[in-house]
Amino acid sequence: MKIILEKIGRRFNRDWIFRNINYTFESGKSYAILGANGSGKSTLLQVVSASLTSSEGELFYQKDGRPVDIENVFDYLSIAAPYMDLIEEFSLVEHIDFHFQFKTYREGYSRESVIELLGLRHSQHKALKNFSSGMRQRVKLALAFCADTEVLLLDEPTSNLDAQGVEWYLSLIKQFSAGRLVIVCSNQEHEYAFCDHRIGVEDYKL
């Protein structure tokens, strides 16, 4: 899988957030998108995921050298981000079942093994609205990591996690990132220290 950005730019009203990004992301490699808070990291990730259109330039997805229709990009990627909401009225079991109506489990995984990975068996029938912010973040990460997708997009992945949660996240990286295209948006080094490549959003300011 390749994600190709050609002269990508995004503006808000008259102000350019970033401009003239030419970059290619490839499977089997990991990338960190870096920058201060408010620099446009999350905006760039949303453009890369095709959930937000660019103001200029073109975005291409390729699978085995063949183009992927932007409308079908969702089938190839998983994302965990602070601005993504969980369905709070659902229990953990209900949310996992709902999520995997649209995604396929990675080989060897199931609802039960996702719950086990989370360490939340005692809370599996509890509504997500009663989960702590750290528990909700764990759910977002587990759903993304355990889906059988070639692209994994993570925005501030350890937000709301304590030290134990950070270690858990790093264990997921070791367990689930091999062979995937991984992009991490962060300004916390422990979240992206494993990444092969670094991209500074501020390098693409006017």
C-alpha atoms as a PDB file:
ATOM      1  CA  MET A   1       0.000   0.000   0.000  1.00  0.00           C
ATOM      2  CA  LYS A   2       1.187   3.505  -0.859  1.00  0.00           C
ATOM      3  CA  ILE A   3      -0.310   6.875   0.020  1.00  0.00           C
ATOM      4  CA  ILE A   4       0.970   9.591  -2.287  1.00  0.00           C
ATOM      5  CA  LEU A   5       0.631  13.314  -1.604  1.00  0.00           C
ATOM      6  CA  GLU A   6       1.278  15.694  -4.493  1.00  0.00           C
ATOM      7  CA  LYS A   7       1.449  19.406  -3.703  1.00  0.00           C
ATOM      8  CA  ILE A   8      -1.076  18.963  -0.887  1.00  0.00           C
ATOM      9  CA  GLY A   9      -2.211  22.087   0.925  1.00  0.00           C
ATOM     10  CA  ARG A  10      -5.003  22.923   3.346  1.00  0.00           C
ATOM     11  CA  ARG A  11      -6.216  26.307   4.438  1.00  0.00           C
ATOM     12  CA  PHE A  12      -8.680  27.618   6.979  1.00  0.00           C
ATOM     13  CA  ASN A  13     -10.477  30.659   5.633  1.00  0.00           C
ATOM     14  CA  ARG A  14      -7.601  32.646   4.093  1.00  0.00           C
ATOM     15  CA  ASP A  15      -4.820  31.174   6.214  1.00  0.00           C
ATOM     16  CA  TRP A  16      -2.788  28.221   4.958  1.00  0.00           C
ATOM     17  CA  ILE A  17      -2.234  25.506   7.587  1.00  0.00           C
ATOM     18  CA  PHE A  18       0.310  23.773   5.377  1.00  0.00           C
ATOM     19  CA  ARG A  19       1.138  23.857   1.701  1.00  0.00           C
ATOM     20  CA  ASN A  20       3.065  22.081  -1.057  1.00  0.00           C
ATOM     21  CA  ILE A  21       3.510  18.718   0.677  1.00  0.00           C
ATOM     22  CA  ASN A  22       4.984  16.118  -1.650  1.00  0.00           C
ATOM     23  CA  TYR A  23       5.406  12.816   0.149  1.00  0.00           C
ATOM     24  CA  THR A  24       4.903   9.072  -0.262  1.00  0.00           C
ATOM     25  CA  PHE A  25       3.987   6.755   2.622  1.00  0.00           C
ATOM     26  CA  GLU A  26       4.656   3.040   2.104  1.00  0.00           C
ATOM     27  CA  SER A  27       3.618  -0.214   3.793  1.00  0.00           C
ATOM     28  CA  GLY A  28       6.121  -1.737   6.155  1.00  0.00           C
ATOM     29  CA  LYS A  29       7.352   1.670   7.294  1.00  0.00           C
ATOM     30  CA  SER A  30       6.408   3.926  10.186  1.00  0.00           C
ATOM     31  CA  TYR A  31       6.114   7.706  10.097  1.00  0.00           C
ATOM     32  CA  ALA A  32       5.792  10.415  12.718  1.00  0.00           C
ATOM     33  CA  ILE A  33       3.998  13.662  11.874  1.00  0.00           C
ATOM     34  CA  LEU A  34       5.443  16.216  14.278  1.00  0.00           C
ATOM     35  CA  GLY A  35       4.650  19.767  15.296  1.00  0.00           C
ATOM     36  CA  ALA A  36       3.495  21.954  18.143  1.00  0.00           C
ATOM     37  CA  ASN A  37      -0.116  21.932  19.295  1.00  0.00           C
ATOM     38  CA  GLY A  38      -2.239  23.669  16.685  1.00  0.00           C
ATOM     39  CA  SER A  39       0.376  23.292  13.948  1.00  0.00           C
ATOM     40  CA  GLY A  40      -1.881  21.169  11.719  1.00  0.00           C
ATOM     41  CA  LYS A  41      -0.810  17.597  12.538  1.00  0.00           C
ATOM     42  CA  SER A  42      -4.350  16.305  12.967  1.00  0.00           C
ATOM     43  CA  THR A  43      -5.530  18.184   9.889  1.00  0.00           C
ATOM     44  CA  LEU A  44      -2.824  16.535   7.805  1.00  0.00           C
ATOM     45  CA  LEU A  45      -3.735  13.106   9.177  1.00  0.00           C
ATOM     46  CA  GLN A  46      -7.375  13.688   8.262  1.00  0.00           C
ATOM     47  CA  VAL A  47      -6.317  14.635   4.735  1.00  0.00           C
ATOM     48  CA  VAL A  48      -4.158  11.496   4.516  1.00  0.00           C
ATOM     49  CA  SER A  49      -7.125   9.383   5.647  1.00  0.00           C
ATOM     50  CA  ALA A  50      -9.340  11.026   2.997  1.00  0.00           C
ATOM     51  CA  SER A  51     -11.792  12.127   5.685  1.00  0.00           C
ATOM     52  CA  LEU A  52     -10.929  15.760   4.919  1.00  0.00           C
ATOM     53  CA  THR A  53     -10.340  17.131   1.437  1.00  0.00           C
ATOM     54  CA  SER A  54      -7.263  19.168   0.686  1.00  0.00           C
ATOM     55  CA  SER A  55      -7.567  22.764  -0.492  1.00  0.00           C
ATOM     56  CA  GLU A  56      -5.048  22.092  -3.243  1.00  0.00           C
ATOM     57  CA  GLY A  57      -3.046  19.199  -4.612  1.00  0.00           C
ATOM     58  CA  GLU A  58      -3.940  15.531  -5.038  1.00  0.00           C
ATOM     59  CA  LEU A  59      -4.024  12.439  -2.840  1.00  0.00           C
ATOM     60  CA  PHE A  60      -3.567   8.942  -4.258  1.00  0.00           C
ATOM     61  CA  TYR A  61      -3.831   5.506  -2.718  1.00  0.00           C
ATOM     62  CA  GLN A  62      -2.203   2.545  -4.455  1.00  0.00           C
ATOM     63  CA  LYS A  63      -2.475  -1.163  -3.716  1.00  0.00           C
ATOM     64  CA  ASP A  64       0.034  -3.426  -5.511  1.00  0.00           C
ATOM     65  CA  GLY A  65       0.701  -0.621  -7.967  1.00  0.00           C
ATOM     66  CA  ARG A  66      -2.974  -0.155  -8.808  1.00  0.00           C
ATOM     67  CA  PRO A  67      -5.030   2.886  -7.832  1.00  0.00           C
ATOM     68  CA  VAL A  68      -7.555   2.622  -5.008  1.00  0.00           C
ATOM     69  CA  ASP A  69     -10.716   4.692  -5.308  1.00  0.00           C
ATOM     70  CA  ILE A  70     -10.752   7.305  -2.542  1.00  0.00           C
ATOM     71  CA  GLU A  71     -14.302   6.226  -1.700  1.00  0.00           C
ATOM     72  CA  ASN A  72     -12.942   2.777  -0.784  1.00  0.00           C
ATOM     73  CA  VAL A  73      -9.956   3.932   1.268  1.00  0.00           C
ATOM     74  CA  PHE A  74     -11.802   3.190   4.534  1.00  0.00           C
ATOM     75  CA  ASP A  75     -11.494  -0.533   3.806  1.00  0.00           C
ATOM     76  CA  TYR A  76      -7.711  -0.294   4.067  1.00  0.00           C
ATOM     77  CA  LEU A  77      -7.198   1.825   7.169  1.00  0.00           C
ATOM     78  CA  SER A  78      -7.841   2.012  10.886  1.00  0.00           C
ATOM     79  CA  ILE A  79      -7.628   5.194  12.909  1.00  0.00           C
ATOM     80  CA  ALA A  80      -7.567   6.097  16.588  1.00  0.00           C
ATOM     81  CA  ALA A  81      -7.811   9.783  17.441  1.00  0.00           C
ATOM     82  CA  PRO A  82      -9.095  12.033  20.263  1.00  0.00           C
ATOM     83  CA  TYR A  83     -11.720  13.592  17.991  1.00  0.00           C
ATOM     84  CA  MET A  84     -13.248  10.212  17.122  1.00  0.00           C
ATOM     85  CA  ASP A  85     -16.273   9.420  19.252  1.00  0.00           C
ATOM     86  CA  LEU A  86     -17.355   6.095  20.663  1.00  0.00           C
ATOM     87  CA  ILE A  87     -21.056   5.280  20.864  1.00  0.00           C
ATOM     88  CA  GLU A  88     -21.424   5.918  24.565  1.00  0.00           C
ATOM     89  CA  GLU A  89     -24.800   4.227  24.939  1.00  0.00           C
ATOM     90  CA  PHE A  90     -23.299   0.924  23.755  1.00  0.00           C
ATOM     91  CA  SER A  91     -21.659  -1.528  26.093  1.00  0.00           C
ATOM     92  CA  LEU A  92     -18.106  -2.596  25.310  1.00  0.00           C
ATOM     93  CA  VAL A  93     -19.376  -5.850  23.780  1.00  0.00           C
ATOM     94  CA  GLU A  94     -21.943  -4.009  21.658  1.00  0.00           C
ATOM     95  CA  HIS A  95     -19.373  -1.489  20.421  1.00  0.00           C
ATOM     96  CA  ILE A  96     -16.865  -4.174  19.458  1.00  0.00           C
ATOM     97  CA  ASP A  97     -19.571  -6.079  17.564  1.00  0.00           C
ATOM     98  CA  PHE A  98     -20.684  -2.881  15.834  1.00  0.00           C
ATOM     99  CA  HIS A  99     -17.127  -1.905  14.856  1.00  0.00           C
ATOM    100  CA  PHE A 100     -16.375  -5.291  13.349  1.00  0.00           C
ATOM    101  CA  GLN A 101     -19.445  -5.179  11.141  1.00  0.00           C
ATOM    102  CA  PHE A 102     -17.332  -2.750   9.099  1.00  0.00           C
ATOM    103  CA  LYS A 103     -13.854  -4.170   9.716  1.00  0.00           C
ATOM    104  CA  THR A 104     -12.384  -7.676   9.696  1.00  0.00           C
ATOM    105  CA  TYR A 105     -10.573  -9.047  12.716  1.00  0.00           C
ATOM    106  CA  ARG A 106      -6.865  -9.721  12.387  1.00  0.00           C
ATOM    107  CA  GLU A 107      -6.168 -13.414  12.093  1.00  0.00           C
ATOM    108  CA  GLY A 108      -6.599 -15.168  15.414  1.00  0.00           C
ATOM    109  CA  TYR A 109      -8.638 -12.368  16.996  1.00  0.00           C
ATOM    110  CA  SER A 110     -12.269 -12.193  18.030  1.00  0.00           C
ATOM    111  CA  ARG A 111     -14.519 -10.212  20.329  1.00  0.00           C
ATOM    112  CA  GLU A 112     -13.295 -12.244  23.294  1.00  0.00           C
ATOM    113  CA  SER A 113      -9.607 -11.746  22.534  1.00  0.00           C
ATOM    114  CA  VAL A 114     -10.097  -7.981  22.069  1.00  0.00           C
ATOM    115  CA  ILE A 115     -11.743  -7.795  25.492  1.00  0.00           C
ATOM    116  CA  GLU A 116      -8.889  -9.864  26.926  1.00  0.00           C
ATOM    117  CA  LEU A 117      -6.333  -7.561  25.297  1.00  0.00           C
ATOM    118  CA  LEU A 118      -8.067  -4.592  26.892  1.00  0.00           C
ATOM    119  CA  GLY A 119      -8.143  -6.245  30.300  1.00  0.00           C
ATOM    120  CA  LEU A 120     -11.764  -5.125  30.665  1.00  0.00           C
ATOM    121  CA  ARG A 121     -13.642  -8.397  30.993  1.00  0.00           C
ATOM    122  CA  HIS A 122     -15.277  -7.184  34.206  1.00  0.00           C
ATOM    123  CA  SER A 123     -16.604  -4.136  32.307  1.00  0.00           C
ATOM    124  CA  GLN A 124     -17.644  -5.786  29.059  1.00  0.00           C
ATOM    125  CA  HIS A 125     -21.363  -5.161  29.633  1.00  0.00           C
ATOM    126  CA  LYS A 126     -20.928  -1.659  31.060  1.00  0.00           C
ATOM    127  CA  ALA A 127     -21.988   1.317  28.912  1.00  0.00           C
ATOM    128  CA  LEU A 128     -19.029   3.201  27.490  1.00  0.00           C
ATOM    129  CA  LYS A 129     -20.378   6.453  28.930  1.00  0.00           C
ATOM    130  CA  ASN A 130     -19.402   5.048  32.328  1.00  0.00           C
ATOM    131  CA  PHE A 131     -15.805   4.329  31.239  1.00  0.00           C
ATOM    132  CA  SER A 132     -12.973   6.614  32.320  1.00  0.00           C
ATOM    133  CA  SER A 133     -11.179   8.653  29.655  1.00  0.00           C
ATOM    134  CA  GLY A 134      -8.243   6.231  29.849  1.00  0.00           C
ATOM    135  CA  MET A 135     -10.490   3.205  29.347  1.00  0.00           C
ATOM    136  CA  ARG A 136     -12.095   4.862  26.320  1.00  0.00           C
ATOM    137  CA  GLN A 137      -8.687   5.567  24.813  1.00  0.00           C
ATOM    138  CA  ARG A 138      -7.722   1.913  25.285  1.00  0.00           C
ATOM    139  CA  VAL A 139     -10.890   0.878  23.443  1.00  0.00           C
ATOM    140  CA  LYS A 140     -10.107   3.178  20.497  1.00  0.00           C
ATOM    141  CA  LEU A 141      -6.574   1.813  20.243  1.00  0.00           C
ATOM    142  CA  ALA A 142      -7.589  -1.840  20.540  1.00  0.00           C
ATOM    143  CA  LEU A 143     -10.228  -1.494  17.818  1.00  0.00           C
ATOM    144  CA  ALA A 144      -7.685   0.096  15.472  1.00  0.00           C
ATOM    145  CA  PHE A 145      -4.865  -2.344  16.167  1.00  0.00           C
ATOM    146  CA  CYS A 146      -7.023  -5.479  16.020  1.00  0.00           C
ATOM    147  CA  ALA A 147      -8.637  -4.656  12.668  1.00  0.00           C
ATOM    148  CA  ASP A 148      -7.088  -6.366   9.657  1.00  0.00           C
ATOM    149  CA  THR A 149      -6.045  -3.195   7.832  1.00  0.00           C
ATOM    150  CA  GLU A 150      -2.839  -2.320   6.031  1.00  0.00           C
ATOM    151  CA  VAL A 151      -2.785   1.289   7.238  1.00  0.00           C
ATOM    152  CA  LEU A 152      -2.794   2.324  10.899  1.00  0.00           C
ATOM    153  CA  LEU A 153      -3.270   6.019  11.730  1.00  0.00           C
ATOM    154  CA  LEU A 154      -2.742   7.159  15.316  1.00  0.00           C
ATOM    155  CA  ASP A 155      -3.297  10.694  16.576  1.00  0.00           C
ATOM    156  CA  GLU A 156      -1.944  11.416  20.078  1.00  0.00           C
ATOM    157  CA  PRO A 157      -2.265   7.703  20.923  1.00  0.00           C
ATOM    158  CA  THR A 158      -1.405   7.924  24.628  1.00  0.00           C
ATOM    159  CA  SER A 159      -3.662  10.866  25.461  1.00  0.00           C
ATOM    160  CA  ASN A 160      -5.482  10.107  28.729  1.00  0.00           C
ATOM    161  CA  LEU A 161      -3.305   7.055  29.413  1.00  0.00           C
ATOM    162  CA  ASP A 162      -1.304   6.645  32.615  1.00  0.00           C
ATOM    163  CA  ALA A 163       2.207   5.137  32.729  1.00  0.00           C
ATOM    164  CA  GLN A 164       0.823   1.603  32.636  1.00  0.00           C
ATOM    165  CA  GLY A 165      -1.356   2.541  29.665  1.00  0.00           C
ATOM    166  CA  VAL A 166       1.653   3.946  27.812  1.00  0.00           C
ATOM    167  CA  GLU A 167       3.491   0.647  28.287  1.00  0.00           C
ATOM    168  CA  TRP A 168       0.402  -1.164  27.015  1.00  0.00           C
ATOM    169  CA  TYR A 169       0.356   1.044  23.901  1.00  0.00           C
ATOM    170  CA  LEU A 170       4.033   0.343  23.228  1.00  0.00           C
ATOM    171  CA  SER A 171       3.356  -3.393  23.538  1.00  0.00           C
ATOM    172  CA  LEU A 172       0.594  -3.054  20.925  1.00  0.00           C
ATOM    173  CA  ILE A 173       3.038  -1.330  18.574  1.00  0.00           C
ATOM    174  CA  LYS A 174       5.446  -4.258  18.866  1.00  0.00           C
ATOM    175  CA  GLN A 175       2.673  -6.807  18.441  1.00  0.00           C
ATOM    176  CA  PHE A 176       0.572  -5.292  15.666  1.00  0.00           C
ATOM    177  CA  SER A 177       2.615  -2.860  13.549  1.00  0.00           C
ATOM    178  CA  ALA A 178       4.841  -5.239  11.568  1.00  0.00           C
ATOM    179  CA  GLY A 179       4.197  -5.019   7.832  1.00  0.00           C
ATOM    180  CA  ARG A 180       1.691  -2.198   8.183  1.00  0.00           C
ATOM    181  CA  LEU A 181       1.924   1.430   7.145  1.00  0.00           C
ATOM    182  CA  VAL A 182       1.876   3.263  10.481  1.00  0.00           C
ATOM    183  CA  ILE A 183       1.522   7.047  10.859  1.00  0.00           C
ATOM    184  CA  VAL A 184       1.622   8.680  14.300  1.00  0.00           C
ATOM    185  CA  CYS A 185       0.736  12.328  14.947  1.00  0.00           C
ATOM    186  CA  SER A 186       2.419  13.460  18.122  1.00  0.00           C
ATOM    187  CA  ASN A 187       4.629  15.856  20.027  1.00  0.00           C
ATOM    188  CA  GLN A 188       5.390  13.249  22.719  1.00  0.00           C
ATOM    189  CA  GLU A 189       8.554  11.349  21.846  1.00  0.00           C
ATOM    190  CA  HIS A 190       7.543   8.139  23.601  1.00  0.00           C
ATOM    191  CA  GLU A 191       4.594   7.846  21.202  1.00  0.00           C
ATOM    192  CA  TYR A 192       6.688   7.891  18.035  1.00  0.00           C
ATOM    193  CA  ALA A 193      10.232   6.871  19.046  1.00  0.00           C
ATOM    194  CA  PHE A 194       9.877   3.653  17.019  1.00  0.00           C
ATOM    195  CA  CYS A 195       9.075   5.506  13.771  1.00  0.00           C
ATOM    196  CA  ASP A 196      11.491   5.222  10.844  1.00  0.00           C
ATOM    197  CA  HIS A 197      10.688   8.623   9.336  1.00  0.00           C
ATOM    198  CA  ARG A 198       9.791  12.066  10.720  1.00  0.00           C
ATOM    199  CA  ILE A 199       7.768  14.799   8.995  1.00  0.00           C
ATOM    200  CA  GLY A 200       7.585  18.300  10.460  1.00  0.00           C
ATOM    201  CA  VAL A 201       4.344  20.068   9.611  1.00  0.00           C
ATOM    202  CA  GLU A 202       6.004  23.407  10.236  1.00  0.00           C
ATOM    203  CA  ASP A 203       8.363  22.722   7.321  1.00  0.00           C
ATOM    204  CA  TYR A 204       5.345  23.211   5.053  1.00  0.00           C
ATOM    205  CA  LYS A 205       4.183  26.586   6.327  1.00  0.00           C
ATOM    206  CA  LEU A 206       4.228  29.587   4.010  1.00  0.00           C
END
